[in-house]
Protein backbone atom coordinates (compact mmCIF):
# COMPACT_ATOMS: atom_id res chain seq x y z
CA MET A 1 -0.03 -0.02 0.09
CA LYS A 2 1.61 3.61 -0.82
CA PRO A 3 2.13 6.21 1.83
CA CYS A 4 -0.73 8.80 1.71
CA GLN A 5 1.10 12.11 0.70
CA TYR A 6 -2.15 14.85 1.18
CA LEU A 7 -4.41 12.94 3.54
CA HIS A 8 -2.95 13.56 7.14
CA TYR A 9 -6.25 12.71 8.70
CA ILE A 10 -9.56 11.03 7.77
CA PRO A 11 -12.36 13.05 9.53
CA CYS A 12 -14.82 10.22 10.26
CA LEU A 13 -18.64 10.84 11.54
CA VAL A 14 -18.95 8.69 14.45
CA SER A 15 -22.01 7.65 16.25
CA GLY A 16 -22.30 6.62 19.71
CA VAL A 17 -18.86 7.54 20.70
CA LEU A 18 -19.43 8.60 23.97
CA SER A 19 -21.44 4.88 24.79
CA GLN A 20 -18.19 3.43 23.79
CA GLN A 21 -16.41 4.87 26.92
CA LEU A 22 -18.04 2.16 28.83
CA THR A 23 -15.89 0.02 26.65
CA TYR A 24 -12.31 0.79 29.06
CA GLN A 25 -14.30 -0.15 32.16
CA ASN A 26 -13.13 -2.22 34.89
CA THR A 27 -14.64 -6.06 33.59
CA THR A 28 -13.00 -7.92 36.69
CA GLY A 29 -15.82 -9.95 37.94
CA THR A 30 -18.47 -9.68 35.10
CA ARG A 31 -19.37 -11.30 32.27
CA LEU A 32 -19.74 -8.68 30.36
CA ARG A 33 -18.38 -8.89 26.58
CA VAL A 34 -15.95 -6.21 26.16
CA ASP A 35 -14.18 -5.12 22.96
CA ASN A 36 -10.97 -3.31 23.08
CA GLY A 37 -9.55 -4.58 19.76
CA THR A 38 -7.69 -1.57 17.67
CA TYR A 39 -5.60 -1.48 14.48
CA GLY A 40 -3.83 1.13 12.64
CA PRO A 41 -3.09 4.94 13.62
CA PRO A 42 -4.85 6.43 17.07
CA VAL A 43 -8.23 7.41 16.97
CA GLU A 44 -8.71 11.22 18.17
CA GLU A 45 -11.86 12.61 19.50
CA VAL A 46 -12.61 16.04 18.29
CA HIS A 47 -16.03 16.59 19.06
CA TYR A 48 -19.31 15.36 21.00
CA PHE A 49 -22.81 15.74 19.90
CA TYR A 50 -25.21 15.95 22.75
CA ASP A 51 -28.69 17.64 21.57
CA GLN A 52 -28.63 16.56 18.19
CA TRP A 53 -27.91 13.36 16.47
CA PRO A 54 -25.14 14.30 13.52
CA VAL A 55 -25.42 12.28 9.56
CA GLY A 56 -22.81 14.27 7.73
CA PHE A 57 -20.16 16.54 8.44
CA ALA A 58 -17.30 18.66 6.11
CA VAL A 59 -13.86 20.68 7.18
CA SER A 60 -12.75 23.51 6.07
CA SER A 61 -8.99 24.48 4.95
CA LYS A 62 -9.00 26.78 8.14
CA GLY A 63 -10.71 23.65 10.81
CA ARG A 64 -14.10 24.77 10.28
CA ILE A 65 -16.05 21.99 11.39
CA PHE A 66 -19.86 21.73 9.81
CA ALA A 67 -22.17 19.29 10.55
CA SER A 68 -25.87 17.87 9.34
CA TYR A 69 -28.78 16.79 11.35
CA PHE A 70 -31.49 15.14 9.86
CA PRO A 71 -34.85 16.72 11.03
CA GLY A 72 -37.55 15.50 12.88
CA ASN A 73 -38.16 17.17 16.06
CA TYR A 74 -34.90 19.17 15.85
CA THR A 75 -34.39 23.02 15.82
CA TYR A 76 -32.16 23.37 12.75
CA THR A 77 -30.08 21.09 9.76
CA LEU A 78 -27.33 22.31 9.50
CA GLY A 79 -24.58 23.64 11.83
CA GLU A 80 -21.34 24.94 12.61
CA VAL A 81 -19.28 23.64 15.69
CA VAL A 82 -18.40 26.25 17.97
CA ASN A 83 -16.40 24.23 20.75
CA ALA A 84 -16.04 20.68 21.66
CA THR A 85 -19.51 20.21 22.75
CA ALA A 86 -21.53 22.65 21.23
CA GLU A 87 -22.81 23.78 17.87
CA ARG A 88 -25.08 26.99 16.06
CA PRO A 89 -27.21 27.02 13.14
CA TYR A 90 -25.32 28.07 9.97
CA PRO A 91 -25.36 30.09 7.93
CA GLY A 92 -27.90 31.30 10.22
CA PRO A 93 -31.64 30.83 11.68
CA GLU A 94 -32.81 32.28 8.74
CA TRP A 95 -31.53 29.08 6.37
CA ASN A 96 -33.12 26.35 8.41
CA VAL A 97 -36.63 26.22 8.32
CA PRO A 98 -38.58 25.39 11.76
CA PRO A 99 -40.03 21.66 12.10
CA SER A 100 -43.22 22.82 11.86
CA GLU A 101 -42.64 24.17 8.37
CA ILE A 102 -40.66 20.94 6.37
CA SER A 103 -43.62 18.99 5.26
CA GLU A 104 -47.39 19.17 4.84
CA GLU A 105 -49.99 16.12 4.41
CA TRP A 106 -52.00 16.02 0.84
CA ASP A 107 -54.65 13.14 0.71
CA GLY A 108 -53.40 11.25 3.69
CA ILE A 109 -49.96 11.49 1.61
CA LEU A 110 -47.12 13.19 3.60
CA PHE A 111 -44.75 15.67 1.37
CA GLY A 112 -41.58 17.31 2.20
CA SER A 113 -41.68 21.06 1.83
CA ASN A 114 -40.98 22.51 -1.99
CA ASN A 115 -39.17 25.48 -0.13
CA ASP A 116 -36.25 26.05 -2.13
CA THR A 117 -35.00 28.97 0.05
CA GLY A 118 -34.34 27.18 3.33
CA PHE A 119 -32.81 23.83 4.84
CA ILE A 120 -35.25 20.95 4.83
CA ALA A 121 -33.47 17.81 5.80
CA VAL A 122 -29.85 18.61 4.76
CA GLN A 123 -27.69 14.76 4.25
CA ALA A 124 -24.39 15.85 3.39
CA LEU A 125 -21.58 18.32 3.17
CA TYR A 126 -18.84 18.73 0.88
CA VAL A 127 -16.05 21.33 0.94
CA THR A 128 -14.25 22.75 -2.63
CA PRO A 129 -11.35 24.47 -2.11
CA GLN A 130 -11.01 28.37 -3.45
CA THR A 131 -10.61 28.18 -8.00
CA ASP A 132 -10.71 30.86 -10.49
CA ASN A 133 -14.55 30.85 -10.57
CA ARG A 134 -15.32 30.14 -6.58
CA PRO A 135 -13.94 30.69 -3.20
CA GLU A 136 -13.55 27.95 -0.90
CA THR A 137 -17.46 26.63 -0.99
CA LEU A 138 -19.29 24.53 1.87
CA TRP A 139 -21.95 22.57 -0.49
CA VAL A 140 -24.35 21.38 1.17
CA LEU A 141 -27.04 18.84 0.02
CA ASP A 142 -30.86 18.87 1.32
CA VAL A 143 -32.90 15.91 0.27
CA GLY A 144 -35.90 17.57 1.35
CA ARG A 145 -37.61 14.26 2.66
CA PRO A 146 -37.76 14.79 6.23
CA THR A 147 -38.45 12.31 8.99
CA VAL A 148 -41.27 13.71 10.49
CA GLY A 149 -41.71 13.77 14.45
CA ASN A 150 -41.34 10.74 15.94
CA THR A 151 -42.99 8.46 13.97
CA GLY A 152 -40.33 7.47 11.38
CA GLN A 153 -42.17 8.49 8.26
CA MET A 154 -40.03 9.46 5.83
CA ALA A 155 -42.10 12.62 3.65
CA TYR A 156 -42.17 12.75 -0.39
CA ALA A 157 -40.04 14.89 -2.11
CA ARG A 158 -41.33 18.01 -3.93
CA PRO A 159 -39.29 20.31 -6.29
CA GLY A 160 -37.51 23.08 -4.72
CA GLY A 161 -37.35 20.93 -1.74
CA THR A 162 -34.52 18.92 -3.20
CA LYS A 163 -31.29 21.21 -4.08
CA LEU A 164 -27.78 21.44 -3.90
CA VAL A 165 -26.69 24.72 -2.27
CA ALA A 166 -23.49 26.70 -2.04
CA ILE A 167 -22.36 28.91 0.65
CA SER A 168 -19.04 30.95 0.30
CA LEU A 169 -16.78 30.30 3.23
CA ASP A 170 -15.18 33.73 2.56
CA ASN A 171 -18.78 35.53 4.22
CA ASN A 172 -20.89 32.77 4.73
CA ILE A 173 -23.87 33.74 1.45
CA VAL A 174 -25.62 31.32 0.22
CA THR A 175 -24.09 31.91 -3.72
CA ASP A 176 -25.75 29.62 -5.12
CA VAL A 177 -28.88 26.83 -5.04
CA TYR A 178 -29.78 23.92 -7.89
CA THR A 179 -32.75 22.25 -7.81
CA PHE A 180 -33.70 18.76 -9.34
CA PRO A 181 -36.85 18.44 -11.75
CA SER A 182 -39.01 15.52 -10.56
CA SER A 183 -37.92 13.21 -13.48
CA VAL A 184 -34.43 13.39 -11.95
CA ASN A 185 -35.14 13.38 -8.41
CA TYR A 186 -38.17 10.94 -7.85
CA PRO A 187 -40.63 11.72 -4.92
CA ASP A 188 -39.37 8.56 -3.54
CA ALA A 189 -35.70 9.60 -4.33
CA SER A 190 -32.99 9.66 -0.95
CA LEU A 191 -29.89 11.79 -2.74
CA ASN A 192 -27.40 10.30 -0.12
CA ASP A 193 -23.51 11.70 -1.00
CA PHE A 194 -22.01 13.69 -3.98
CA ARG A 195 -18.62 14.54 -5.31
CA PHE A 196 -17.04 17.06 -6.92
CA ASP A 197 -15.02 17.33 -10.58
CA ILE A 198 -14.05 20.76 -10.62
CA ARG A 199 -11.69 20.70 -13.08
CA GLU A 200 -12.05 23.54 -16.02
CA ASN A 201 -11.90 20.72 -18.62
CA ALA A 202 -14.48 18.68 -16.84
CA THR A 203 -17.62 20.44 -18.67
CA GLU A 204 -17.46 22.24 -21.69
CA GLY A 205 -18.43 25.36 -19.46
CA GLY A 206 -15.82 25.03 -17.49
CA GLN A 207 -18.53 25.15 -13.68
CA GLY A 208 -17.80 21.36 -12.81
CA ILE A 209 -19.67 18.93 -12.26
CA VAL A 210 -21.09 16.91 -9.22
CA TYR A 211 -21.99 12.96 -9.29
CA LEU A 212 -24.37 12.16 -6.49
CA SER A 213 -25.88 9.01 -4.91
CA ASP A 214 -29.61 8.08 -4.67
CA GLU A 215 -30.23 5.43 -2.02
CA SER A 216 -33.79 5.27 -2.45
CA ALA A 217 -34.78 2.31 0.43
CA GLU A 218 -38.05 2.41 -2.16
CA TRP A 219 -35.44 0.46 -4.75
CA ARG A 220 -35.38 3.19 -7.52
CA ASN A 221 -31.65 3.37 -7.18
CA GLY A 222 -29.44 5.08 -9.32
CA ILE A 223 -26.41 8.49 -9.85
CA VAL A 224 -27.36 11.72 -10.69
CA VAL A 225 -25.18 14.00 -12.46
CA LEU A 226 -25.30 17.72 -12.36
CA ASP A 227 -23.43 20.39 -14.71
CA LEU A 228 -23.24 23.04 -12.51
CA GLY A 229 -22.50 25.46 -15.81
CA THR A 230 -25.82 25.10 -17.01
CA GLY A 231 -27.75 23.74 -14.53
CA GLU A 232 -28.64 20.85 -16.04
CA SER A 233 -29.06 17.33 -14.27
CA TRP A 234 -29.81 13.97 -15.64
CA ARG A 235 -29.68 9.92 -14.47
CA HIS A 236 -27.71 6.87 -15.20
CA LEU A 237 -27.33 3.51 -13.87
CA ASP A 238 -31.46 3.36 -12.76
CA LEU A 239 -32.35 0.23 -11.61
CA HIS A 240 -29.06 -1.05 -12.29
CA PRO A 241 -27.20 -4.24 -10.22
CA SER A 242 -24.60 -2.18 -8.53
CA THR A 243 -27.01 0.58 -7.45
CA ARG A 244 -29.23 -1.21 -5.78
CA GLY A 245 -29.39 -3.27 -2.51
CA THR A 246 -28.72 -6.60 -1.69
CA TYR A 247 -32.30 -8.03 -0.90
CA GLY A 248 -32.95 -10.01 2.35
CA VAL A 249 -29.59 -8.53 3.71
CA VAL A 250 -29.91 -8.27 8.01
CA PRO A 251 -26.81 -6.15 8.82
CA SER A 252 -25.40 -6.81 12.46
CA TYR A 253 -23.91 -3.19 14.13
CA GLN A 254 -22.78 -2.52 17.63
CA GLY A 255 -25.50 -0.70 19.94
CA PRO A 256 -28.69 -1.37 21.53
CA GLY A 257 -30.32 -4.43 20.23
CA SER A 258 -33.15 -3.99 17.62
CA PRO A 259 -35.93 -6.27 16.19
CA TYR A 260 -34.72 -8.30 13.32
CA SER A 261 -35.36 -6.23 9.95
CA HIS A 262 -33.88 -5.60 6.95
CA PHE A 263 -32.16 -2.82 4.99
CA THR A 264 -33.08 -2.25 1.71
CA GLN A 265 -30.99 1.16 1.11
CA GLY A 266 -29.05 1.24 -2.28
CA CYS A 267 -26.21 3.74 -3.75
CA ASP A 268 -24.55 5.58 -1.19
CA GLY A 269 -21.03 5.86 -0.85
CA ILE A 270 -19.89 7.90 -3.99
CA GLN A 271 -15.81 8.66 -4.29
CA LEU A 272 -13.82 10.05 -7.77
CA ASP A 273 -10.68 9.35 -8.64
CA PRO A 274 -7.99 11.99 -8.29
CA THR A 275 -8.23 12.47 -11.97
CA GLY A 276 -12.03 12.89 -12.16
CA SER A 277 -12.00 9.52 -14.53
CA ILE A 278 -13.25 7.04 -12.58
CA LEU A 279 -16.11 6.99 -10.00
CA TYR A 280 -16.28 4.44 -7.28
CA PHE A 281 -19.31 3.92 -5.66
CA SER A 282 -21.45 0.60 -3.60
CA PRO A 283 -24.78 0.14 -2.30
CA MET A 284 -25.22 0.64 1.45
CA THR A 285 -26.30 -3.18 1.58
CA SER A 286 -23.84 -4.56 -0.58
CA ASP A 287 -20.26 -6.05 0.03
CA TYR A 288 -19.10 -5.30 -3.88
CA LEU A 289 -17.42 -2.24 -4.53
CA TYR A 290 -18.02 -1.02 -7.98
CA SER A 291 -16.72 1.49 -10.36
CA ILE A 292 -17.03 3.23 -13.78
CA GLU A 293 -15.75 5.38 -15.75
CA THR A 294 -16.98 8.99 -15.80
CA ARG A 295 -17.30 9.78 -19.38
CA TYR A 296 -19.79 7.35 -19.27
CA LEU A 297 -21.87 9.66 -16.65
CA LYS A 298 -21.34 12.71 -18.86
CA ASP A 299 -22.85 11.43 -21.75
CA HIS A 300 -26.49 11.80 -21.90
CA SER A 301 -26.25 12.94 -25.23
CA SER A 302 -28.32 9.94 -27.17
CA ALA A 303 -31.54 7.14 -26.60
CA VAL A 304 -28.30 4.63 -25.90
CA SER A 305 -26.29 6.81 -23.76
CA SER A 306 -27.86 5.17 -20.18
CA GLN A 307 -27.69 1.51 -21.84
CA ALA A 308 -23.53 1.98 -22.55
CA ALA A 309 -23.12 3.33 -18.69
CA ASN A 310 -24.98 0.11 -18.06
CA ASN A 311 -22.63 -2.09 -20.08
CA ASN A 312 -19.48 -0.63 -18.48
CA VAL A 313 -19.55 -0.87 -15.01
CA LYS A 314 -17.30 -3.31 -13.30
CA ASN A 315 -17.28 -4.93 -10.39
CA LEU A 316 -14.20 -4.59 -8.73
CA GLY A 317 -15.23 -7.79 -5.87
CA GLN A 318 -16.33 -8.06 -2.23
CA ARG A 319 -14.91 -6.27 0.47
CA GLY A 320 -15.92 -8.13 3.74
CA GLY A 321 -18.89 -6.23 4.63
CA ASN A 322 -21.30 -3.04 3.86
CA ALA A 323 -19.82 -0.25 3.62
CA ASN A 324 -21.38 3.50 3.59
CA GLY A 325 -19.59 6.64 3.34
CA PHE A 326 -16.42 7.05 1.18
CA GLU A 327 -13.32 9.31 1.09
CA ALA A 328 -9.75 9.24 -0.86
CA ASP A 329 -6.38 10.66 -1.12
CA SER A 330 -4.33 12.00 -3.92
CA ASN A 331 -2.36 8.26 -4.44
CA GLY A 332 -5.78 6.88 -5.62
CA LEU A 333 -6.79 5.14 -2.83
CA ILE A 334 -10.18 4.82 -1.71
CA TYR A 335 -11.37 4.53 2.12
CA GLN A 336 -14.74 3.06 3.29
CA GLY A 337 -16.58 3.21 6.38
CA ILE A 338 -17.35 -0.31 7.56
CA PRO A 339 -19.88 0.15 10.30
CA GLU A 340 -20.62 -4.00 10.92
CA HIS A 341 -16.97 -4.19 11.53
CA ASN A 342 -15.90 -0.64 13.39
CA ALA A 343 -13.62 0.27 10.62
CA VAL A 344 -12.11 1.79 8.09
CA TYR A 345 -11.02 -0.30 4.90
CA VAL A 346 -9.29 0.93 1.82
CA TYR A 347 -9.21 -0.05 -1.72
CA ASP A 348 -6.07 -0.09 -3.92
CA PRO A 349 -6.84 0.46 -7.30
CA VAL A 350 -3.10 -0.73 -8.07
CA THR A 351 -2.87 -3.95 -5.96
CA LEU A 352 -6.72 -4.48 -6.16
CA ARG A 353 -6.76 -5.33 -2.61
CA THR A 354 -8.94 -4.30 0.06
CA GLU A 355 -7.42 -4.01 3.20
CA THR A 356 -8.14 -2.39 6.88
CA PHE A 357 -7.25 1.08 7.52
CA ILE A 358 -7.99 1.63 11.21
CA ARG A 359 -10.56 -0.09 13.08
CA ASP A 360 -11.30 1.00 16.94
CA PRO A 361 -14.00 0.04 19.05
CA ARG A 362 -15.22 3.66 19.50
CA ILE A 363 -15.64 3.74 15.29
CA ILE A 364 -19.49 3.20 15.86
CA TRP A 365 -21.32 3.67 12.12
CA PRO A 366 -18.37 5.57 10.27
CA ASP A 367 -20.22 7.55 7.29
């Protein structure tokens, strides 16, 4: 495995880290099963979440930390960390839609708000560096499908509610809002994560392109592509086996016991190689890693474009567990959060091997 040149650390969202302090208690005279198994570099605990349960986060070049929260009864869905134990709404309360306004019911069916000037259900965050066209920017993926109250019911998406929002980190001002038509973002779609190619030659317009995974639990999974120059978006790999979850999967995660159930989430983790020419991805409920050359995803010029993309997906093999969020370094190594094993695995495209990068009992549901 080649040493990483520019990835000095992997910021990793870990759920339930506080409860894992029990891992190191004195168990003399008890029958508790204690997990002290570790591997790889040491884990540094950076922040503790108390009031709201995070789902995504991003770190700026100056060390600013931003976190997203999937709303139910939460007071805001995007925040900035202010100290070791607290966050505040970001970029301010005015952009965080109150819980009472994030959904409405039509004929007994729950829909998310179509508000395109406020955050409804922020899922993922990503920071792009400064370029000639943009300052350093925080990108915010608002799924537009809140989980309402304590029912666990997820509202359906409406055009305008699902959006990608750009915020300048120079002045904390929203600079762009990209929305998706219902033909691209279905009402039951659930955009999960996204990656950018902001090189000038990535698109004809020179503004860059975005790849987004649709992990919808309703099985209509695929990859959404957005041209930042034109605002046009389209889908590829719809219902392809590589983007759909594995039927009947019953994963095992560390934490409180729960009733037997199946996960059905599809395409989840997504990551570009350093050249922007290969996209790696995987369903949440799959042990397999896949890739595709991005030229097939960029092309939507004809009726055969979708079939060309379908025909050029590569199965890179199993990795020994379901994966969640992805990251990469300048060597092209692909890091994958592995919730079932409290670990982060790394795939090397040169050796074609997947190996453990780090394992620690405090890493619960890395994303």
